[in-house]
Amino acid sequence: MRTGAKPDPLGEKLAAGRPAIRLEDPFNEPFDFAGNDIGDGAVLAGETMPEPSDYLSEIQRNGKTLGADLVYRETWQWFDQRGCSQLWRLA
């Protein structure tokens, strides 16, 4: 915590000809990722819809079921109608 007057903004210091320091963000530099050759590519296999977990249809405090299992099934059907129902995983 600082006491006293707030420091002048960087732009004002530069406009007045005073020296100024700009703090560097350590995450501002791009990351250098090294890639590896995966040969023929990843082997992918589709899966059918897994059954929704029991907690998606649990009874709530008000006595009603959560109903998230219905949303899960409806969402899966929506994807299936568009040809996107296969989940992909690395084999």
C-alpha atoms as a PDB file:
ATOM      1  CA  MET A   1       0.000   0.000   0.000  1.00  0.00           C
ATOM      2  CA  ARG A   2       1.262   3.438  -0.917  1.00  0.00           C
ATOM      3  CA  THR A   3       0.955   6.625   1.053  1.00  0.00           C
ATOM      4  CA  GLY A   4       0.896  10.076  -0.466  1.00  0.00           C
ATOM      5  CA  ALA A   5      -0.198  11.258  -3.868  1.00  0.00           C
ATOM      6  CA  LYS A   6      -0.873   8.774  -6.652  1.00  0.00           C
ATOM      7  CA  PRO A   7       1.829   8.591  -9.321  1.00  0.00           C
ATOM      8  CA  ASP A   8       1.173  10.364 -12.614  1.00  0.00           C
ATOM      9  CA  PRO A   9       0.015   8.211 -15.516  1.00  0.00           C
ATOM     10  CA  LEU A  10       2.678   6.979 -17.924  1.00  0.00           C
ATOM     11  CA  GLY A  11       1.386   9.132 -20.772  1.00  0.00           C
ATOM     12  CA  GLU A  12       1.614  12.321 -18.723  1.00  0.00           C
ATOM     13  CA  LYS A  13       5.168  11.541 -17.616  1.00  0.00           C
ATOM     14  CA  LEU A  14       6.273  10.941 -21.202  1.00  0.00           C
ATOM     15  CA  ALA A  15       4.495  14.080 -22.455  1.00  0.00           C
ATOM     16  CA  ALA A  16       6.263  16.157 -19.796  1.00  0.00           C
ATOM     17  CA  GLY A  17       9.654  14.667 -20.729  1.00  0.00           C
ATOM     18  CA  ARG A  18      10.139  12.929 -17.386  1.00  0.00           C
ATOM     19  CA  PRO A  19      11.624   9.426 -17.158  1.00  0.00           C
ATOM     20  CA  ALA A  20       9.048   6.662 -16.844  1.00  0.00           C
ATOM     21  CA  ILE A  21       9.115   2.920 -16.291  1.00  0.00           C
ATOM     22  CA  ARG A  22       6.622   0.541 -17.857  1.00  0.00           C
ATOM     23  CA  LEU A  23       6.168  -2.763 -16.035  1.00  0.00           C
ATOM     24  CA  GLU A  24       6.404  -5.807 -18.269  1.00  0.00           C
ATOM     25  CA  ASP A  25       3.778  -8.526 -18.101  1.00  0.00           C
ATOM     26  CA  PRO A  26       5.601 -11.886 -17.867  1.00  0.00           C
ATOM     27  CA  PHE A  27       2.688 -13.594 -19.680  1.00  0.00           C
ATOM     28  CA  ASN A  28       2.682 -11.065 -22.526  1.00  0.00           C
ATOM     29  CA  GLU A  29       5.289 -13.000 -24.498  1.00  0.00           C
ATOM     30  CA  PRO A  30       3.960 -15.796 -26.718  1.00  0.00           C
ATOM     31  CA  PHE A  31       4.652 -19.321 -25.612  1.00  0.00           C
ATOM     32  CA  ASP A  32       7.095 -21.383 -27.605  1.00  0.00           C
ATOM     33  CA  PHE A  33       5.445 -24.752 -28.102  1.00  0.00           C
ATOM     34  CA  ALA A  34       7.444 -27.534 -29.668  1.00  0.00           C
ATOM     35  CA  GLY A  35       5.404 -29.919 -31.806  1.00  0.00           C
ATOM     36  CA  ASN A  36       6.000 -33.601 -32.284  1.00  0.00           C
ATOM     37  CA  ASP A  37       5.334 -35.668 -35.378  1.00  0.00           C
ATOM     38  CA  ILE A  38       2.458 -38.070 -34.720  1.00  0.00           C
ATOM     39  CA  GLY A  39       3.015 -40.119 -37.863  1.00  0.00           C
ATOM     40  CA  ASP A  40      -0.254 -41.136 -39.516  1.00  0.00           C
ATOM     41  CA  GLY A  41      -2.269 -39.089 -37.044  1.00  0.00           C
ATOM     42  CA  ALA A  42      -4.412 -39.916 -34.082  1.00  0.00           C
ATOM     43  CA  VAL A  43      -6.578 -43.013 -34.215  1.00  0.00           C
ATOM     44  CA  LEU A  44     -10.098 -41.905 -33.331  1.00  0.00           C
ATOM     45  CA  ALA A  45     -13.051 -44.117 -32.477  1.00  0.00           C
ATOM     46  CA  GLY A  46     -16.649 -43.010 -31.996  1.00  0.00           C
ATOM     47  CA  GLU A  47     -18.847 -44.012 -29.082  1.00  0.00           C
ATOM     48  CA  THR A  48     -22.573 -44.165 -28.570  1.00  0.00           C
ATOM     49  CA  MET A  49     -24.377 -42.067 -25.973  1.00  0.00           C
ATOM     50  CA  PRO A  50     -23.353 -43.016 -22.441  1.00  0.00           C
ATOM     51  CA  GLU A  51     -26.240 -43.250 -20.002  1.00  0.00           C
ATOM     52  CA  PRO A  52     -26.647 -40.134 -17.875  1.00  0.00           C
ATOM     53  CA  SER A  53     -25.433 -40.424 -14.297  1.00  0.00           C
ATOM     54  CA  ASP A  54     -27.929 -40.888 -11.480  1.00  0.00           C
ATOM     55  CA  TYR A  55     -27.107 -37.517  -9.973  1.00  0.00           C
ATOM     56  CA  LEU A  56     -28.623 -35.825 -13.051  1.00  0.00           C
ATOM     57  CA  SER A  57     -32.062 -37.042 -11.944  1.00  0.00           C
ATOM     58  CA  GLU A  58     -31.692 -36.698  -8.167  1.00  0.00           C
ATOM     59  CA  ILE A  59     -34.597 -35.533  -6.023  1.00  0.00           C
ATOM     60  CA  GLN A  60     -34.134 -31.892  -4.979  1.00  0.00           C
ATOM     61  CA  ARG A  61     -35.049 -30.280  -1.651  1.00  0.00           C
ATOM     62  CA  ASN A  62     -38.398 -29.182  -3.046  1.00  0.00           C
ATOM     63  CA  GLY A  63     -39.270 -32.817  -3.865  1.00  0.00           C
ATOM     64  CA  LYS A  64     -38.970 -32.481  -7.644  1.00  0.00           C
ATOM     65  CA  THR A  65     -36.419 -34.257  -9.779  1.00  0.00           C
ATOM     66  CA  LEU A  66     -33.580 -32.185 -11.170  1.00  0.00           C
ATOM     67  CA  GLY A  67     -34.403 -33.146 -14.759  1.00  0.00           C
ATOM     68  CA  ALA A  68     -30.883 -32.670 -16.071  1.00  0.00           C
ATOM     69  CA  ASP A  69     -31.012 -36.206 -17.470  1.00  0.00           C
ATOM     70  CA  LEU A  70     -33.815 -35.092 -19.817  1.00  0.00           C
ATOM     71  CA  VAL A  71     -31.730 -32.127 -20.981  1.00  0.00           C
ATOM     72  CA  TYR A  72     -28.797 -34.501 -21.513  1.00  0.00           C
ATOM     73  CA  ARG A  73     -30.893 -36.843 -23.675  1.00  0.00           C
ATOM     74  CA  GLU A  74     -32.503 -33.986 -25.648  1.00  0.00           C
ATOM     75  CA  THR A  75     -29.085 -32.460 -26.300  1.00  0.00           C
ATOM     76  CA  TRP A  76     -27.751 -35.816 -27.469  1.00  0.00           C
ATOM     77  CA  GLN A  77     -30.739 -36.230 -29.820  1.00  0.00           C
ATOM     78  CA  TRP A  78     -30.124 -32.718 -31.183  1.00  0.00           C
ATOM     79  CA  PHE A  79     -26.519 -33.646 -31.964  1.00  0.00           C
ATOM     80  CA  ASP A  80     -27.632 -36.992 -33.445  1.00  0.00           C
ATOM     81  CA  GLN A  81     -30.070 -35.280 -35.830  1.00  0.00           C
ATOM     82  CA  ARG A  82     -27.170 -33.222 -37.143  1.00  0.00           C
ATOM     83  CA  GLY A  83     -24.792 -36.153 -37.489  1.00  0.00           C
ATOM     84  CA  CYS A  84     -22.625 -35.123 -34.537  1.00  0.00           C
ATOM     85  CA  SER A  85     -23.646 -37.704 -31.949  1.00  0.00           C
ATOM     86  CA  GLN A  86     -20.398 -39.664 -31.922  1.00  0.00           C
ATOM     87  CA  LEU A  87     -18.093 -38.763 -29.072  1.00  0.00           C
ATOM     88  CA  TRP A  88     -14.473 -38.935 -30.112  1.00  0.00           C
ATOM     89  CA  ARG A  89     -11.671 -40.194 -27.972  1.00  0.00           C
ATOM     90  CA  LEU A  90      -8.082 -41.159 -28.615  1.00  0.00           C
ATOM     91  CA  ALA A  91      -7.831 -44.930 -29.014  1.00  0.00           C
END
